[in-house]
Amino acid sequence: MSVMQELYTIQEMAITSGLSEHTLRYYERFGLLTPERHASSGHRRYSQQDIQWVVFVKRLRSTAMPLAQIKRYADLLRQGDATIAERQRLLEEHKLLIEANLREVQQHLEAITFKIALYKQQHAPPASDEPVELYAKETTG
């Protein structure tokens, strides 16, 4: 008994992946996707494996990996197990860039948080033993 793999139209793939049909076609022309072609109609049909691949591509894109580098990874993947070490190296290099970006973003977040704390401190209500008139005069002058 053979198990039939469910195939998806480009419309279904767009909905499932969150990418537009235009982007899916572009990824195909660029060499990132290789959907099956239905023999009788010639229409694209995407597999569950294609969906998983697109999810991974979206992760790489959202972490600022250039399309050319993703294409390089895809080409290596198609070449099989002999390229595992090179694929690993490519991903490790990208991971280092992501970690550096995260550190930079963390520094930006800390600076913004510090600035917010300063503003809150400058606009804090007066202490209960401080005369309200003096506080109002100092902050409006």
C-alpha atoms as a PDB file:
ATOM      1  CA  MET A   1       0.000   0.000   0.000  1.00  0.00           C
ATOM      2  CA  SER A   2       1.538   3.331  -1.056  1.00  0.00           C
ATOM      3  CA  VAL A   3       1.035   6.493   0.890  1.00  0.00           C
ATOM      4  CA  MET A   4       0.064   9.435  -1.269  1.00  0.00           C
ATOM      5  CA  GLN A   5       1.859  12.642  -0.390  1.00  0.00           C
ATOM      6  CA  GLU A   6      -0.428  15.636  -0.222  1.00  0.00           C
ATOM      7  CA  LEU A   7       0.473  18.292  -2.764  1.00  0.00           C
ATOM      8  CA  TYR A   8      -0.481  21.954  -2.555  1.00  0.00           C
ATOM      9  CA  THR A   9      -1.308  24.490  -5.237  1.00  0.00           C
ATOM     10  CA  ILE A  10       0.567  27.766  -5.310  1.00  0.00           C
ATOM     11  CA  GLN A  11      -2.457  29.457  -3.702  1.00  0.00           C
ATOM     12  CA  GLU A  12      -2.474  26.924  -0.873  1.00  0.00           C
ATOM     13  CA  MET A  13       1.292  27.246  -0.498  1.00  0.00           C
ATOM     14  CA  ALA A  14       0.985  31.038  -0.270  1.00  0.00           C
ATOM     15  CA  ILE A  15      -1.610  30.753   2.490  1.00  0.00           C
ATOM     16  CA  THR A  16       0.329  28.054   4.361  1.00  0.00           C
ATOM     17  CA  SER A  17       3.726  29.730   4.086  1.00  0.00           C
ATOM     18  CA  GLY A  18       2.654  33.341   4.507  1.00  0.00           C
ATOM     19  CA  LEU A  19       4.524  34.277   1.332  1.00  0.00           C
ATOM     20  CA  SER A  20       2.869  35.778  -1.711  1.00  0.00           C
ATOM     21  CA  GLU A  21       2.482  33.795  -4.919  1.00  0.00           C
ATOM     22  CA  HIS A  22       4.805  36.355  -6.517  1.00  0.00           C
ATOM     23  CA  THR A  23       7.514  35.616  -3.911  1.00  0.00           C
ATOM     24  CA  LEU A  24       7.100  31.862  -4.361  1.00  0.00           C
ATOM     25  CA  ARG A  25       7.525  32.244  -8.133  1.00  0.00           C
ATOM     26  CA  TYR A  26      10.565  34.471  -7.574  1.00  0.00           C
ATOM     27  CA  TYR A  27      12.111  31.904  -5.220  1.00  0.00           C
ATOM     28  CA  GLU A  28      11.529  29.270  -7.882  1.00  0.00           C
ATOM     29  CA  ARG A  29      13.190  31.374 -10.616  1.00  0.00           C
ATOM     30  CA  PHE A  30      16.069  32.175  -8.234  1.00  0.00           C
ATOM     31  CA  GLY A  31      16.576  28.465  -7.570  1.00  0.00           C
ATOM     32  CA  LEU A  32      15.423  28.302  -3.957  1.00  0.00           C
ATOM     33  CA  LEU A  33      12.323  26.228  -4.680  1.00  0.00           C
ATOM     34  CA  THR A  34      11.808  23.343  -7.046  1.00  0.00           C
ATOM     35  CA  PRO A  35       8.135  22.400  -6.889  1.00  0.00           C
ATOM     36  CA  GLU A  36       6.833  19.438  -8.820  1.00  0.00           C
ATOM     37  CA  ARG A  37       4.982  20.121 -12.050  1.00  0.00           C
ATOM     38  CA  HIS A  38       1.670  18.356 -12.479  1.00  0.00           C
ATOM     39  CA  ALA A  39       2.021  16.310 -15.662  1.00  0.00           C
ATOM     40  CA  SER A  40      -1.340  17.085 -17.236  1.00  0.00           C
ATOM     41  CA  SER A  41      -1.646  20.790 -16.397  1.00  0.00           C
ATOM     42  CA  GLY A  42       1.949  21.871 -15.826  1.00  0.00           C
ATOM     43  CA  HIS A  43       0.870  23.678 -12.651  1.00  0.00           C
ATOM     44  CA  ARG A  44       3.187  23.847  -9.669  1.00  0.00           C
ATOM     45  CA  ARG A  45       2.526  21.467  -6.819  1.00  0.00           C
ATOM     46  CA  TYR A  46       4.261  21.918  -3.479  1.00  0.00           C
ATOM     47  CA  SER A  47       4.954  19.145  -0.987  1.00  0.00           C
ATOM     48  CA  GLN A  48       5.116  19.159   2.796  1.00  0.00           C
ATOM     49  CA  GLN A  49       8.894  19.152   2.390  1.00  0.00           C
ATOM     50  CA  ASP A  50       8.622  22.345   0.296  1.00  0.00           C
ATOM     51  CA  ILE A  51       6.613  23.950   3.094  1.00  0.00           C
ATOM     52  CA  GLN A  52       9.269  23.007   5.664  1.00  0.00           C
ATOM     53  CA  TRP A  53      11.973  24.393   3.385  1.00  0.00           C
ATOM     54  CA  VAL A  54      10.129  27.697   2.936  1.00  0.00           C
ATOM     55  CA  VAL A  55       9.741  28.002   6.722  1.00  0.00           C
ATOM     56  CA  PHE A  56      13.524  27.600   7.030  1.00  0.00           C
ATOM     57  CA  VAL A  57      14.168  30.101   4.221  1.00  0.00           C
ATOM     58  CA  LYS A  58      11.919  32.597   6.011  1.00  0.00           C
ATOM     59  CA  ARG A  59      13.965  32.103   9.192  1.00  0.00           C
ATOM     60  CA  LEU A  60      17.181  32.741   7.303  1.00  0.00           C
ATOM     61  CA  ARG A  61      15.718  35.823   5.609  1.00  0.00           C
ATOM     62  CA  SER A  62      14.354  37.218   8.884  1.00  0.00           C
ATOM     63  CA  THR A  63      17.860  36.930  10.335  1.00  0.00           C
ATOM     64  CA  ALA A  64      19.255  38.955   7.411  1.00  0.00           C
ATOM     65  CA  MET A  65      20.874  36.157   5.434  1.00  0.00           C
ATOM     66  CA  PRO A  66      21.239  37.377   1.838  1.00  0.00           C
ATOM     67  CA  LEU A  67      19.335  35.459  -0.839  1.00  0.00           C
ATOM     68  CA  ALA A  68      22.603  34.621  -2.613  1.00  0.00           C
ATOM     69  CA  GLN A  69      23.849  32.886   0.532  1.00  0.00           C
ATOM     70  CA  ILE A  70      20.545  31.032   0.939  1.00  0.00           C
ATOM     71  CA  LYS A  71      20.865  29.977  -2.705  1.00  0.00           C
ATOM     72  CA  ARG A  72      24.369  28.682  -1.975  1.00  0.00           C
ATOM     73  CA  TYR A  73      22.974  26.677   0.946  1.00  0.00           C
ATOM     74  CA  ALA A  74      20.146  25.319  -1.243  1.00  0.00           C
ATOM     75  CA  ASP A  75      22.597  24.299  -3.962  1.00  0.00           C
ATOM     76  CA  LEU A  76      24.752  22.498  -1.404  1.00  0.00           C
ATOM     77  CA  LEU A  77      21.685  20.783   0.048  1.00  0.00           C
ATOM     78  CA  ARG A  78      20.732  19.434  -3.376  1.00  0.00           C
ATOM     79  CA  GLN A  79      24.241  17.984  -3.755  1.00  0.00           C
ATOM     80  CA  GLY A  80      23.645  15.652  -0.825  1.00  0.00           C
ATOM     81  CA  ASP A  81      25.507  14.466   2.227  1.00  0.00           C
ATOM     82  CA  ALA A  82      28.948  15.231   0.793  1.00  0.00           C
ATOM     83  CA  THR A  83      28.233  18.929   1.489  1.00  0.00           C
ATOM     84  CA  ILE A  84      27.140  18.622   5.122  1.00  0.00           C
ATOM     85  CA  ALA A  85      30.369  20.132   6.481  1.00  0.00           C
ATOM     86  CA  GLU A  86      30.135  23.129   4.153  1.00  0.00           C
ATOM     87  CA  ARG A  87      26.454  23.665   4.985  1.00  0.00           C
ATOM     88  CA  GLN A  88      27.288  23.483   8.681  1.00  0.00           C
ATOM     89  CA  ARG A  89      30.082  26.046   8.247  1.00  0.00           C
ATOM     90  CA  LEU A  90      27.769  28.377   6.352  1.00  0.00           C
ATOM     91  CA  LEU A  91      25.149  28.186   9.117  1.00  0.00           C
ATOM     92  CA  GLU A  92      27.756  28.583  11.867  1.00  0.00           C
ATOM     93  CA  GLU A  93      29.058  31.765  10.222  1.00  0.00           C
ATOM     94  CA  HIS A  94      25.518  33.099   9.979  1.00  0.00           C
ATOM     95  CA  LYS A  95      24.896  32.185  13.614  1.00  0.00           C
ATOM     96  CA  LEU A  96      27.893  34.299  14.641  1.00  0.00           C
ATOM     97  CA  LEU A  97      26.432  37.268  12.759  1.00  0.00           C
ATOM     98  CA  ILE A  98      23.053  36.780  14.423  1.00  0.00           C
ATOM     99  CA  GLU A  99      24.689  36.625  17.858  1.00  0.00           C
ATOM    100  CA  ALA A 100      26.619  39.835  17.145  1.00  0.00           C
ATOM    101  CA  ASN A 101      23.395  41.520  16.005  1.00  0.00           C
ATOM    102  CA  LEU A 102      21.617  40.346  19.155  1.00  0.00           C
ATOM    103  CA  ARG A 103      24.368  41.819  21.332  1.00  0.00           C
ATOM    104  CA  GLU A 104      24.094  45.113  19.485  1.00  0.00           C
ATOM    105  CA  VAL A 105      20.308  45.167  19.795  1.00  0.00           C
ATOM    106  CA  GLN A 106      20.633  44.350  23.516  1.00  0.00           C
ATOM    107  CA  GLN A 107      22.947  47.353  23.930  1.00  0.00           C
ATOM    108  CA  HIS A 108      20.428  49.564  22.122  1.00  0.00           C
ATOM    109  CA  LEU A 109      17.644  48.253  24.342  1.00  0.00           C
ATOM    110  CA  GLU A 110      19.667  48.970  27.477  1.00  0.00           C
ATOM    111  CA  ALA A 111      20.398  52.539  26.303  1.00  0.00           C
ATOM    112  CA  ILE A 112      16.717  53.165  25.559  1.00  0.00           C
ATOM    113  CA  THR A 113      15.663  51.651  28.893  1.00  0.00           C
ATOM    114  CA  PHE A 114      18.177  53.922  30.666  1.00  0.00           C
ATOM    115  CA  LYS A 115      16.818  56.992  28.846  1.00  0.00           C
ATOM    116  CA  ILE A 116      13.241  56.063  29.794  1.00  0.00           C
ATOM    117  CA  ALA A 117      14.319  55.740  33.440  1.00  0.00           C
ATOM    118  CA  LEU A 118      15.870  59.223  33.280  1.00  0.00           C
ATOM    119  CA  TYR A 119      12.646  60.682  31.900  1.00  0.00           C
ATOM    120  CA  LYS A 120      10.599  58.958  34.578  1.00  0.00           C
ATOM    121  CA  GLN A 121      12.955  60.284  37.253  1.00  0.00           C
ATOM    122  CA  GLN A 122      12.738  63.855  35.886  1.00  0.00           C
ATOM    123  CA  HIS A 123       8.955  63.748  35.802  1.00  0.00           C
ATOM    124  CA  ALA A 124       8.361  61.910  39.062  1.00  0.00           C
ATOM    125  CA  PRO A 125       5.797  63.491  41.383  1.00  0.00           C
ATOM    126  CA  PRO A 126       7.271  65.396  44.363  1.00  0.00           C
ATOM    127  CA  ALA A 127       7.996  63.565  47.592  1.00  0.00           C
ATOM    128  CA  SER A 128       5.289  64.035  50.218  1.00  0.00           C
ATOM    129  CA  ASP A 129       7.510  66.265  52.379  1.00  0.00           C
ATOM    130  CA  GLU A 130       8.523  68.531  49.471  1.00  0.00           C
ATOM    131  CA  PRO A 131       6.458  71.696  48.917  1.00  0.00           C
ATOM    132  CA  VAL A 132       4.323  71.333  45.792  1.00  0.00           C
ATOM    133  CA  GLU A 133       4.765  75.038  44.858  1.00  0.00           C
ATOM    134  CA  LEU A 134       8.555  74.675  44.752  1.00  0.00           C
ATOM    135  CA  TYR A 135       8.314  71.589  42.531  1.00  0.00           C
ATOM    136  CA  ALA A 136       5.916  73.336  40.163  1.00  0.00           C
ATOM    137  CA  LYS A 137       8.112  76.461  40.003  1.00  0.00           C
ATOM    138  CA  GLU A 138      11.282  74.441  39.258  1.00  0.00           C
ATOM    139  CA  THR A 139       9.726  72.326  36.536  1.00  0.00           C
ATOM    140  CA  THR A 140       7.950  75.166  34.729  1.00  0.00           C
ATOM    141  CA  GLY A 141      10.771  77.693  34.793  1.00  0.00           C
END
